[in-house]
Amino acid sequence: MSKINKVVLAYSGGLDTSVIVKWLNEEYGCEVVTYTADLGQGEEVEPARAKAEALGVKEIYIEDVREEFVRDYVYPMFRANTIYEGEYLLGTSIARPLIAKRLIEIAN
């Protein structure tokens, strides 16, 4: 297996992703680049930057994708009536393809 030099991580600023930043760095010796998508979660976005900086991350991407998220993901979800177990909309999971798309673009 070839050596991993750099990894792009979907970063929320929470405990799990913060631990993963350090683990990737220590276990693989690679540089970690973080990406945080602002999907409308408001006050949670900027603290993610501060946490990533405190962890030694040098490349931090934080992007407001609210308009694209609503236009290209949420509206189609409403039109398709995607309700999980007849109770709630799939808002969290529907964001994953958008986040993955941006991760790939950043990695490239």
PDB file of N, CA and C in Angstrom:
ATOM      1  N   MET A   1       0.850  -1.185   0.000  1.00  0.00           N
ATOM      2  CA  MET A   1       0.000   0.000   0.000  1.00  0.00           C
ATOM      3  C   MET A   1       0.886   1.235   0.000  1.00  0.00           C
ATOM      4  N   SER A   2       0.535   2.214  -0.806  1.00  0.00           N
ATOM      5  CA  SER A   2       1.326   3.441  -0.875  1.00  0.00           C
ATOM      6  C   SER A   2       1.068   4.325   0.341  1.00  0.00           C
ATOM      7  N   LYS A   3       2.034   5.180   0.625  1.00  0.00           N
ATOM      8  CA  LYS A   3       1.924   6.074   1.774  1.00  0.00           C
ATOM      9  C   LYS A   3       0.875   7.150   1.509  1.00  0.00           C
ATOM     10  N   ILE A   4       0.049   7.398   2.513  1.00  0.00           N
ATOM     11  CA  ILE A   4      -0.975   8.434   2.422  1.00  0.00           C
ATOM     12  C   ILE A   4      -0.344   9.741   2.872  1.00  0.00           C
ATOM     13  N   ASN A   5      -0.364  10.753   2.013  1.00  0.00           N
ATOM     14  CA  ASN A   5       0.256  12.035   2.340  1.00  0.00           C
ATOM     15  C   ASN A   5      -0.736  13.078   2.819  1.00  0.00           C
ATOM     16  N   LYS A   6      -1.935  13.025   2.270  1.00  0.00           N
ATOM     17  CA  LYS A   6      -2.926  14.041   2.595  1.00  0.00           C
ATOM     18  C   LYS A   6      -4.314  13.437   2.513  1.00  0.00           C
ATOM     19  N   VAL A   7      -5.201  13.847   3.446  1.00  0.00           N
ATOM     20  CA  VAL A   7      -6.565  13.344   3.506  1.00  0.00           C
ATOM     21  C   VAL A   7      -7.512  14.525   3.654  1.00  0.00           C
ATOM     22  N   VAL A   8      -8.632  14.488   2.928  1.00  0.00           N
ATOM     23  CA  VAL A   8      -9.677  15.493   3.107  1.00  0.00           C
ATOM     24  C   VAL A   8     -10.771  14.855   3.947  1.00  0.00           C
ATOM     25  N   LEU A   9     -11.107  15.513   5.049  1.00  0.00           N
ATOM     26  CA  LEU A   9     -12.051  14.965   6.014  1.00  0.00           C
ATOM     27  C   LEU A   9     -13.277  15.857   6.129  1.00  0.00           C
ATOM     28  N   ALA A  10     -14.463  15.251   6.032  1.00  0.00           N
ATOM     29  CA  ALA A  10     -15.707  15.972   6.328  1.00  0.00           C
ATOM     30  C   ALA A  10     -15.697  16.219   7.829  1.00  0.00           C
ATOM     31  N   TYR A  11     -15.613  17.476   8.221  1.00  0.00           N
ATOM     32  CA  TYR A  11     -15.357  17.837   9.615  1.00  0.00           C
ATOM     33  C   TYR A  11     -16.498  18.653  10.183  1.00  0.00           C
ATOM     34  N   SER A  12     -17.095  18.138  11.272  1.00  0.00           N
ATOM     35  CA  SER A  12     -18.196  18.856  11.922  1.00  0.00           C
ATOM     36  C   SER A  12     -17.718  19.717  13.078  1.00  0.00           C
ATOM     37  N   GLY A  13     -16.543  19.386  13.609  1.00  0.00           N
ATOM     38  CA  GLY A  13     -16.064  20.078  14.795  1.00  0.00           C
ATOM     39  C   GLY A  13     -16.457  19.358  16.067  1.00  0.00           C
ATOM     40  N   GLY A  14     -17.176  18.267  15.930  1.00  0.00           N
ATOM     41  CA  GLY A  14     -17.593  17.483  17.090  1.00  0.00           C
ATOM     42  C   GLY A  14     -16.491  16.551  17.568  1.00  0.00           C
ATOM     43  N   LEU A  15     -16.792  15.817  18.601  1.00  0.00           N
ATOM     44  CA  LEU A  15     -15.810  14.932  19.224  1.00  0.00           C
ATOM     45  C   LEU A  15     -15.277  13.885  18.245  1.00  0.00           C
ATOM     46  N   ASP A  16     -16.179  13.219  17.526  1.00  0.00           N
ATOM     47  CA  ASP A  16     -15.758  12.129  16.633  1.00  0.00           C
ATOM     48  C   ASP A  16     -14.789  12.610  15.555  1.00  0.00           C
ATOM     49  N   THR A  17     -15.162  13.665  14.846  1.00  0.00           N
ATOM     50  CA  THR A  17     -14.293  14.115  13.753  1.00  0.00           C
ATOM     51  C   THR A  17     -13.025  14.771  14.276  1.00  0.00           C
ATOM     52  N   SER A  18     -13.074  15.348  15.470  1.00  0.00           N
ATOM     53  CA  SER A  18     -11.866  15.935  16.053  1.00  0.00           C
ATOM     54  C   SER A  18     -10.871  14.845  16.445  1.00  0.00           C
ATOM     55  N   VAL A  19     -11.357  13.749  16.982  1.00  0.00           N
ATOM     56  CA  VAL A  19     -10.486  12.620  17.310  1.00  0.00           C
ATOM     57  C   VAL A  19      -9.889  12.034  16.038  1.00  0.00           C
ATOM     58  N   ILE A  20     -10.698  11.944  14.995  1.00  0.00           N
ATOM     59  CA  ILE A  20     -10.223  11.370  13.730  1.00  0.00           C
ATOM     60  C   ILE A  20      -9.097  12.213  13.133  1.00  0.00           C
ATOM     61  N   VAL A  21      -9.161  13.542  13.268  1.00  0.00           N
ATOM     62  CA  VAL A  21      -8.083  14.403  12.756  1.00  0.00           C
ATOM     63  C   VAL A  21      -6.755  13.961  13.359  1.00  0.00           C
ATOM     64  N   LYS A  22      -6.709  13.841  14.676  1.00  0.00           N
ATOM     65  CA  LYS A  22      -5.473  13.454  15.353  1.00  0.00           C
ATOM     66  C   LYS A  22      -5.070  12.023  15.016  1.00  0.00           C
ATOM     67  N   TRP A  23      -6.049  11.127  14.942  1.00  0.00           N
ATOM     68  CA  TRP A  23      -5.757   9.732  14.645  1.00  0.00           C
ATOM     69  C   TRP A  23      -5.141   9.592  13.253  1.00  0.00           C
ATOM     70  N   LEU A  24      -5.722  10.272  12.260  1.00  0.00           N
ATOM     71  CA  LEU A  24      -5.174  10.207  10.905  1.00  0.00           C
ATOM     72  C   LEU A  24      -3.749  10.735  10.864  1.00  0.00           C
ATOM     73  N   ASN A  25      -3.525  11.811  11.572  1.00  0.00           N
ATOM     74  CA  ASN A  25      -2.194  12.415  11.604  1.00  0.00           C
ATOM     75  C   ASN A  25      -1.190  11.503  12.291  1.00  0.00           C
ATOM     76  N   GLU A  26      -1.550  10.966  13.438  1.00  0.00           N
ATOM     77  CA  GLU A  26      -0.614  10.136  14.200  1.00  0.00           C
ATOM     78  C   GLU A  26      -0.458   8.738  13.611  1.00  0.00           C
ATOM     79  N   GLU A  27      -1.560   8.134  13.176  1.00  0.00           N
ATOM     80  CA  GLU A  27      -1.521   6.757  12.682  1.00  0.00           C
ATOM     81  C   GLU A  27      -0.897   6.654  11.288  1.00  0.00           C
ATOM     82  N   TYR A  28      -1.191   7.631  10.431  1.00  0.00           N
ATOM     83  CA  TYR A  28      -0.719   7.582   9.050  1.00  0.00           C
ATOM     84  C   TYR A  28       0.313   8.656   8.730  1.00  0.00           C
ATOM     85  N   GLY A  29       0.514   9.592   9.648  1.00  0.00           N
ATOM     86  CA  GLY A  29       1.493  10.655   9.407  1.00  0.00           C
ATOM     87  C   GLY A  29       1.102  11.559   8.258  1.00  0.00           C
ATOM     88  N   CYS A  30      -0.175  11.664   7.988  1.00  0.00           N
ATOM     89  CA  CYS A  30      -0.624  12.459   6.846  1.00  0.00           C
ATOM     90  C   CYS A  30      -1.166  13.813   7.293  1.00  0.00           C
ATOM     91  N   GLU A  31      -1.142  14.730   6.367  1.00  0.00           N
ATOM     92  CA  GLU A  31      -1.739  16.043   6.581  1.00  0.00           C
ATOM     93  C   GLU A  31      -3.249  15.901   6.410  1.00  0.00           C
ATOM     94  N   VAL A  32      -4.002  16.501   7.322  1.00  0.00           N
ATOM     95  CA  VAL A  32      -5.458  16.446   7.242  1.00  0.00           C
ATOM     96  C   VAL A  32      -5.985  17.811   6.818  1.00  0.00           C
ATOM     97  N   VAL A  33      -6.802  17.802   5.790  1.00  0.00           N
ATOM     98  CA  VAL A  33      -7.512  18.988   5.305  1.00  0.00           C
ATOM     99  C   VAL A  33      -8.956  18.806   5.744  1.00  0.00           C
ATOM    100  N   THR A  34      -9.553  19.837   6.348  1.00  0.00           N
ATOM    101  CA  THR A  34     -10.941  19.687   6.799  1.00  0.00           C
ATOM    102  C   THR A  34     -11.895  20.456   5.895  1.00  0.00           C
ATOM    103  N   TYR A  35     -13.095  19.896   5.768  1.00  0.00           N
ATOM    104  CA  TYR A  35     -14.170  20.549   5.018  1.00  0.00           C
ATOM    105  C   TYR A  35     -15.431  20.533   5.872  1.00  0.00           C
ATOM    106  N   THR A  36     -15.970  21.718   6.103  1.00  0.00           N
ATOM    107  CA  THR A  36     -17.215  21.870   6.846  1.00  0.00           C
ATOM    108  C   THR A  36     -18.221  22.558   5.936  1.00  0.00           C
ATOM    109  N   ALA A  37     -19.338  21.902   5.709  1.00  0.00           N
ATOM    110  CA  ALA A  37     -20.400  22.470   4.877  1.00  0.00           C
ATOM    111  C   ALA A  37     -21.405  23.173   5.775  1.00  0.00           C
ATOM    112  N   ASP A  38     -21.659  24.444   5.492  1.00  0.00           N
ATOM    113  CA  ASP A  38     -22.713  25.178   6.201  1.00  0.00           C
ATOM    114  C   ASP A  38     -24.017  24.899   5.475  1.00  0.00           C
ATOM    115  N   LEU A  39     -24.813  24.023   6.069  1.00  0.00           N
ATOM    116  CA  LEU A  39     -26.102  23.640   5.500  1.00  0.00           C
ATOM    117  C   LEU A  39     -27.246  24.390   6.157  1.00  0.00           C
ATOM    118  N   GLY A  40     -26.882  25.336   7.035  1.00  0.00           N
ATOM    119  CA  GLY A  40     -27.886  26.088   7.762  1.00  0.00           C
ATOM    120  C   GLY A  40     -27.839  25.833   9.253  1.00  0.00           C
ATOM    121  N   GLN A  41     -26.781  25.215   9.725  1.00  0.00           N
ATOM    122  CA  GLN A  41     -26.690  24.911  11.145  1.00  0.00           C
ATOM    123  C   GLN A  41     -26.237  26.096  11.988  1.00  0.00           C
ATOM    124  N   GLY A  42     -25.960  27.222  11.339  1.00  0.00           N
ATOM    125  CA  GLY A  42     -25.735  28.473  12.051  1.00  0.00           C
ATOM    126  C   GLY A  42     -24.481  28.531  12.888  1.00  0.00           C
ATOM    127  N   GLU A  43     -24.651  28.666  14.195  1.00  0.00           N
ATOM    128  CA  GLU A  43     -23.553  28.939  15.112  1.00  0.00           C
ATOM    129  C   GLU A  43     -22.529  27.824  15.231  1.00  0.00           C
ATOM    130  N   GLU A  44     -22.795  26.659  14.709  1.00  0.00           N
ATOM    131  CA  GLU A  44     -21.870  25.536  14.834  1.00  0.00           C
ATOM    132  C   GLU A  44     -20.695  25.619  13.864  1.00  0.00           C
ATOM    133  N   VAL A  45     -20.790  26.455  12.842  1.00  0.00           N
ATOM    134  CA  VAL A  45     -19.796  26.443  11.774  1.00  0.00           C
ATOM    135  C   VAL A  45     -18.471  27.082  12.186  1.00  0.00           C
ATOM    136  N   GLU A  46     -18.494  28.272  12.715  1.00  0.00           N
ATOM    137  CA  GLU A  46     -17.237  28.948  13.064  1.00  0.00           C
ATOM    138  C   GLU A  46     -16.480  28.266  14.194  1.00  0.00           C
ATOM    139  N   PRO A  47     -17.141  27.711  15.220  1.00  0.00           N
ATOM    140  CA  PRO A  47     -16.375  26.955  16.217  1.00  0.00           C
ATOM    141  C   PRO A  47     -15.617  25.766  15.600  1.00  0.00           C
ATOM    142  N   ALA A  48     -16.132  25.213  14.504  1.00  0.00           N
ATOM    143  CA  ALA A  48     -15.430  24.118  13.828  1.00  0.00           C
ATOM    144  C   ALA A  48     -14.083  24.608  13.314  1.00  0.00           C
ATOM    145  N   ARG A  49     -14.032  25.830  12.811  1.00  0.00           N
ATOM    146  CA  ARG A  49     -12.762  26.397  12.338  1.00  0.00           C
ATOM    147  C   ARG A  49     -11.768  26.499  13.501  1.00  0.00           C
ATOM    148  N   ALA A  50     -12.223  27.037  14.618  1.00  0.00           N
ATOM    149  CA  ALA A  50     -11.354  27.207  15.779  1.00  0.00           C
ATOM    150  C   ALA A  50     -10.829  25.863  16.284  1.00  0.00           C
ATOM    151  N   LYS A  51     -11.687  24.851  16.292  1.00  0.00           N
ATOM    152  CA  LYS A  51     -11.263  23.523  16.746  1.00  0.00           C
ATOM    153  C   LYS A  51     -10.244  22.918  15.792  1.00  0.00           C
ATOM    154  N   ALA A  52     -10.480  23.067  14.485  1.00  0.00           N
ATOM    155  CA  ALA A  52      -9.535  22.541  13.497  1.00  0.00           C
ATOM    156  C   ALA A  52      -8.183  23.244  13.627  1.00  0.00           C
ATOM    157  N   GLU A  53      -8.203  24.552  13.805  1.00  0.00           N
ATOM    158  CA  GLU A  53      -6.951  25.293  13.995  1.00  0.00           C
ATOM    159  C   GLU A  53      -6.221  24.814  15.244  1.00  0.00           C
ATOM    160  N   ALA A  54      -6.965  24.597  16.327  1.00  0.00           N
ATOM    161  CA  ALA A  54      -6.370  24.129  17.579  1.00  0.00           C
ATOM    162  C   ALA A  54      -5.747  22.734  17.421  1.00  0.00           C
ATOM    163  N   LEU A  55      -6.260  21.950  16.492  1.00  0.00           N
ATOM    164  CA  LEU A  55      -5.728  20.620  16.222  1.00  0.00           C
ATOM    165  C   LEU A  55      -4.539  20.656  15.260  1.00  0.00           C
ATOM    166  N   GLY A  56      -4.191  21.854  14.784  1.00  0.00           N
ATOM    167  CA  GLY A  56      -3.053  22.001  13.895  1.00  0.00           C
ATOM    168  C   GLY A  56      -3.366  21.864  12.421  1.00  0.00           C
ATOM    169  N   VAL A  57      -4.637  21.886  12.055  1.00  0.00           N
ATOM    170  CA  VAL A  57      -5.019  21.775  10.649  1.00  0.00           C
ATOM    171  C   VAL A  57      -4.638  23.071   9.935  1.00  0.00           C
ATOM    172  N   LYS A  58      -3.946  22.937   8.814  1.00  0.00           N
ATOM    173  CA  LYS A  58      -3.482  24.116   8.075  1.00  0.00           C
ATOM    174  C   LYS A  58      -4.416  24.519   6.941  1.00  0.00           C
ATOM    175  N   GLU A  59      -5.087  23.542   6.332  1.00  0.00           N
ATOM    176  CA  GLU A  59      -6.057  23.823   5.265  1.00  0.00           C
ATOM    177  C   GLU A  59      -7.453  23.534   5.791  1.00  0.00           C
ATOM    178  N   ILE A  60      -8.244  24.588   5.930  1.00  0.00           N
ATOM    179  CA  ILE A  60      -9.596  24.473   6.472  1.00  0.00           C
ATOM    180  C   ILE A  60     -10.568  25.085   5.471  1.00  0.00           C
ATOM    181  N   TYR A  61     -11.475  24.283   4.984  1.00  0.00           N
ATOM    182  CA  TYR A  61     -12.499  24.765   4.065  1.00  0.00           C
ATOM    183  C   TYR A  61     -13.831  24.804   4.806  1.00  0.00           C
ATOM    184  N   ILE A  62     -14.442  25.981   4.823  1.00  0.00           N
ATOM    185  CA  ILE A  62     -15.798  26.125   5.347  1.00  0.00           C
ATOM    186  C   ILE A  62     -16.581  26.845   4.262  1.00  0.00           C
ATOM    187  N   GLU A  63     -17.662  26.236   3.835  1.00  0.00           N
ATOM    188  CA  GLU A  63     -18.377  26.750   2.676  1.00  0.00           C
ATOM    189  C   GLU A  63     -19.879  26.820   2.942  1.00  0.00           C
ATOM    190  N   ASP A  64     -20.454  27.938   2.586  1.00  0.00           N
ATOM    191  CA  ASP A  64     -21.903  28.119   2.685  1.00  0.00           C
ATOM    192  C   ASP A  64     -22.539  27.476   1.458  1.00  0.00           C
ATOM    193  N   VAL A  65     -23.163  26.332   1.655  1.00  0.00           N
ATOM    194  CA  VAL A  65     -23.792  25.600   0.548  1.00  0.00           C
ATOM    195  C   VAL A  65     -25.309  25.555   0.715  1.00  0.00           C
ATOM    196  N   ARG A  66     -25.847  26.454   1.521  1.00  0.00           N
ATOM    197  CA  ARG A  66     -27.287  26.432   1.813  1.00  0.00           C
ATOM    198  C   ARG A  66     -28.141  26.535   0.564  1.00  0.00           C
ATOM    199  N   GLU A  67     -27.799  27.465  -0.315  1.00  0.00           N
ATOM    200  CA  GLU A  67     -28.622  27.659  -1.516  1.00  0.00           C
ATOM    201  C   GLU A  67     -28.616  26.409  -2.395  1.00  0.00           C
ATOM    202  N   GLU A  68     -27.429  25.862  -2.664  1.00  0.00           N
ATOM    203  CA  GLU A  68     -27.332  24.654  -3.480  1.00  0.00           C
ATOM    204  C   GLU A  68     -28.032  23.476  -2.800  1.00  0.00           C
ATOM    205  N   PHE A  69     -27.872  23.370  -1.497  1.00  0.00           N
ATOM    206  CA  PHE A  69     -28.495  22.285  -0.738  1.00  0.00           C
ATOM    207  C   PHE A  69     -30.012  22.313  -0.879  1.00  0.00           C
ATOM    208  N   VAL A  70     -30.593  23.484  -0.687  1.00  0.00           N
ATOM    209  CA  VAL A  70     -32.051  23.599  -0.774  1.00  0.00           C
ATOM    210  C   VAL A  70     -32.528  23.389  -2.206  1.00  0.00           C
ATOM    211  N   ARG A  71     -31.874  24.053  -3.150  1.00  0.00           N
ATOM    212  CA  ARG A  71     -32.302  23.990  -4.548  1.00  0.00           C
ATOM    213  C   ARG A  71     -32.149  22.595  -5.152  1.00  0.00           C
ATOM    214  N   ASP A  72     -30.973  21.986  -4.946  1.00  0.00           N
ATOM    215  CA  ASP A  72     -30.666  20.742  -5.656  1.00  0.00           C
ATOM    216  C   ASP A  72     -30.930  19.463  -4.861  1.00  0.00           C
ATOM    217  N   TYR A  73     -31.171  19.607  -3.559  1.00  0.00           N
ATOM    218  CA  TYR A  73     -31.340  18.412  -2.731  1.00  0.00           C
ATOM    219  C   TYR A  73     -32.652  18.419  -1.936  1.00  0.00           C
ATOM    220  N   VAL A  74     -32.911  19.508  -1.211  1.00  0.00           N
ATOM    221  CA  VAL A  74     -34.109  19.544  -0.360  1.00  0.00           C
ATOM    222  C   VAL A  74     -35.388  19.606  -1.188  1.00  0.00           C
ATOM    223  N   TYR A  75     -35.462  20.527  -2.159  1.00  0.00           N
ATOM    224  CA  TYR A  75     -36.681  20.617  -2.973  1.00  0.00           C
ATOM    225  C   TYR A  75     -36.986  19.303  -3.691  1.00  0.00           C
ATOM    226  N   PRO A  76     -35.983  18.675  -4.338  1.00  0.00           N
ATOM    227  CA  PRO A  76     -36.281  17.375  -4.951  1.00  0.00           C
ATOM    228  C   PRO A  76     -36.724  16.327  -3.925  1.00  0.00           C
ATOM    229  N   MET A  77     -36.173  16.397  -2.713  1.00  0.00           N
ATOM    230  CA  MET A  77     -36.568  15.471  -1.656  1.00  0.00           C
ATOM    231  C   MET A  77     -38.048  15.663  -1.312  1.00  0.00           C
ATOM    232  N   PHE A  78     -38.465  16.931  -1.191  1.00  0.00           N
ATOM    233  CA  PHE A  78     -39.882  17.212  -0.913  1.00  0.00           C
ATOM    234  C   PHE A  78     -40.764  16.668  -2.025  1.00  0.00           C
ATOM    235  N   ARG A  79     -40.349  16.919  -3.277  1.00  0.00           N
ATOM    236  CA  ARG A  79     -41.150  16.472  -4.419  1.00  0.00           C
ATOM    237  C   ARG A  79     -41.264  14.946  -4.466  1.00  0.00           C
ATOM    238  N   ALA A  80     -40.226  14.264  -3.986  1.00  0.00           N
ATOM    239  CA  ALA A  80     -40.241  12.801  -3.992  1.00  0.00           C
ATOM    240  C   ALA A  80     -40.914  12.226  -2.747  1.00  0.00           C
ATOM    241  N   ASN A  81     -41.302  13.111  -1.816  1.00  0.00           N
ATOM    242  CA  ASN A  81     -41.974  12.697  -0.585  1.00  0.00           C
ATOM    243  C   ASN A  81     -41.150  11.664   0.196  1.00  0.00           C
ATOM    244  N   THR A  82     -39.870  11.977   0.361  1.00  0.00           N
ATOM    245  CA  THR A  82     -38.976  11.048   1.042  1.00  0.00           C
ATOM    246  C   THR A  82     -39.094  11.210   2.559  1.00  0.00           C
ATOM    247  N   ILE A  83     -39.962  10.440   3.124  1.00  0.00           N
ATOM    248  CA  ILE A  83     -40.207  10.472   4.565  1.00  0.00           C
ATOM    249  C   ILE A  83     -39.798   9.117   5.147  1.00  0.00           C
ATOM    250  N   TYR A  84     -38.930   9.154   6.138  1.00  0.00           N
ATOM    251  CA  TYR A  84     -38.424   7.935   6.769  1.00  0.00           C
ATOM    252  C   TYR A  84     -39.449   7.377   7.746  1.00  0.00           C
ATOM    253  N   GLU A  85     -39.813   6.126   7.534  1.00  0.00           N
ATOM    254  CA  GLU A  85     -40.784   5.428   8.363  1.00  0.00           C
ATOM    255  C   GLU A  85     -42.054   6.244   8.600  1.00  0.00           C
ATOM    256  N   GLY A  86     -42.409   7.056   7.602  1.00  0.00           N
ATOM    257  CA  GLY A  86     -43.635   7.834   7.668  1.00  0.00           C
ATOM    258  C   GLY A  86     -43.640   8.930   8.713  1.00  0.00           C
ATOM    259  N   GLU A  87     -42.454   9.272   9.264  1.00  0.00           N
ATOM    260  CA  GLU A  87     -42.420  10.224  10.364  1.00  0.00           C
ATOM    261  C   GLU A  87     -41.630  11.497  10.115  1.00  0.00           C
ATOM    262  N   TYR A  88     -40.437  11.384   9.525  1.00  0.00           N
ATOM    263  CA  TYR A  88     -39.640  12.604   9.375  1.00  0.00           C
ATOM    264  C   TYR A  88     -38.880  12.600   8.053  1.00  0.00           C
ATOM    265  N   LEU A  89     -38.558  13.805   7.606  1.00  0.00           N
ATOM    266  CA  LEU A  89     -37.852  13.969   6.340  1.00  0.00           C
ATOM    267  C   LEU A  89     -36.398  13.543   6.470  1.00  0.00           C
ATOM    268  N   LEU A  90     -35.811  13.169   5.377  1.00  0.00           N
ATOM    269  CA  LEU A  90     -34.430  12.688   5.363  1.00  0.00           C
ATOM    270  C   LEU A  90     -33.425  13.834   5.207  1.00  0.00           C
ATOM    271  N   GLY A  91     -33.558  14.863   6.000  1.00  0.00           N
ATOM    272  CA  GLY A  91     -32.721  16.055   5.881  1.00  0.00           C
ATOM    273  C   GLY A  91     -31.246  15.816   6.086  1.00  0.00           C
ATOM    274  N   THR A  92     -30.885  15.064   7.099  1.00  0.00           N
ATOM    275  CA  THR A  92     -29.467  14.838   7.379  1.00  0.00           C
ATOM    276  C   THR A  92     -28.827  13.975   6.308  1.00  0.00           C
ATOM    277  N   SER A  93     -29.452  12.881   5.974  1.00  0.00           N
ATOM    278  CA  SER A  93     -28.847  11.984   4.991  1.00  0.00           C
ATOM    279  C   SER A  93     -28.828  12.580   3.589  1.00  0.00           C
ATOM    280  N   ILE A  94     -29.769  13.445   3.281  1.00  0.00           N
ATOM    281  CA  ILE A  94     -29.804  14.033   1.938  1.00  0.00           C
ATOM    282  C   ILE A  94     -28.633  14.987   1.713  1.00  0.00           C
ATOM    283  N   ALA A  95     -28.007  15.456   2.780  1.00  0.00           N
ATOM    284  CA  ALA A  95     -26.850  16.345   2.655  1.00  0.00           C
ATOM    285  C   ALA A  95     -25.581  15.586   2.283  1.00  0.00           C
ATOM    286  N   ARG A  96     -25.538  14.297   2.531  1.00  0.00           N
ATOM    287  CA  ARG A  96     -24.309  13.525   2.317  1.00  0.00           C
ATOM    288  C   ARG A  96     -23.797  13.575   0.871  1.00  0.00           C
ATOM    289  N   PRO A  97     -24.641  13.450  -0.139  1.00  0.00           N
ATOM    290  CA  PRO A  97     -24.107  13.520  -1.510  1.00  0.00           C
ATOM    291  C   PRO A  97     -23.468  14.881  -1.829  1.00  0.00           C
ATOM    292  N   LEU A  98     -24.038  15.950  -1.322  1.00  0.00           N
ATOM    293  CA  LEU A  98     -23.470  17.283  -1.556  1.00  0.00           C
ATOM    294  C   LEU A  98     -22.112  17.398  -0.874  1.00  0.00           C
ATOM    295  N   ILE A  99     -22.022  16.952   0.358  1.00  0.00           N
ATOM    296  CA  ILE A  99     -20.752  17.002   1.084  1.00  0.00           C
ATOM    297  C   ILE A  99     -19.709  16.137   0.372  1.00  0.00           C
ATOM    298  N   ALA A 100     -20.091  14.947  -0.045  1.00  0.00           N
ATOM    299  CA  ALA A 100     -19.169  14.054  -0.751  1.00  0.00           C
ATOM    300  C   ALA A 100     -18.686  14.687  -2.059  1.00  0.00           C
ATOM    301  N   LYS A 101     -19.579  15.345  -2.769  1.00  0.00           N
ATOM    302  CA  LYS A 101     -19.208  16.012  -4.024  1.00  0.00           C
ATOM    303  C   LYS A 101     -18.124  17.051  -3.775  1.00  0.00           C
ATOM    304  N   ARG A 102     -18.307  17.854  -2.743  1.00  0.00           N
ATOM    305  CA  ARG A 102     -17.311  18.896  -2.422  1.00  0.00           C
ATOM    306  C   ARG A 102     -16.005  18.290  -1.938  1.00  0.00           C
ATOM    307  N   LEU A 103     -16.065  17.204  -1.163  1.00  0.00           N
ATOM    308  CA  LEU A 103     -14.835  16.532  -0.711  1.00  0.00           C
ATOM    309  C   LEU A 103     -14.000  16.075  -1.900  1.00  0.00           C
ATOM    310  N   ILE A 104     -14.664  15.505  -2.885  1.00  0.00           N
ATOM    311  CA  ILE A 104     -13.965  15.028  -4.084  1.00  0.00           C
ATOM    312  C   ILE A 104     -13.349  16.195  -4.839  1.00  0.00           C
ATOM    313  N   GLU A 105     -14.105  17.282  -4.971  1.00  0.00           N
ATOM    314  CA  GLU A 105     -13.576  18.459  -5.673  1.00  0.00           C
ATOM    315  C   GLU A 105     -12.346  19.017  -4.958  1.00  0.00           C
ATOM    316  N   ILE A 106     -12.392  19.089  -3.643  1.00  0.00           N
ATOM    317  CA  ILE A 106     -11.249  19.579  -2.880  1.00  0.00           C
ATOM    318  C   ILE A 106     -10.070  18.629  -3.011  1.00  0.00           C
ATOM    319  N   ALA A 107     -10.333  17.327  -2.921  1.00  0.00           N
ATOM    320  CA  ALA A 107      -9.251  16.340  -3.049  1.00  0.00           C
ATOM    321  C   ALA A 107      -8.572  16.423  -4.405  1.00  0.00           C
ATOM    322  N   ASN A 108      -9.367  16.643  -5.451  1.00  0.00           N
ATOM    323  CA  ASN A 108      -8.781  16.768  -6.784  1.00  0.00           C
ATOM    324  C   ASN A 108      -7.958  18.027  -6.904  1.00  0.00           C
TER     325      ASN A 108
END
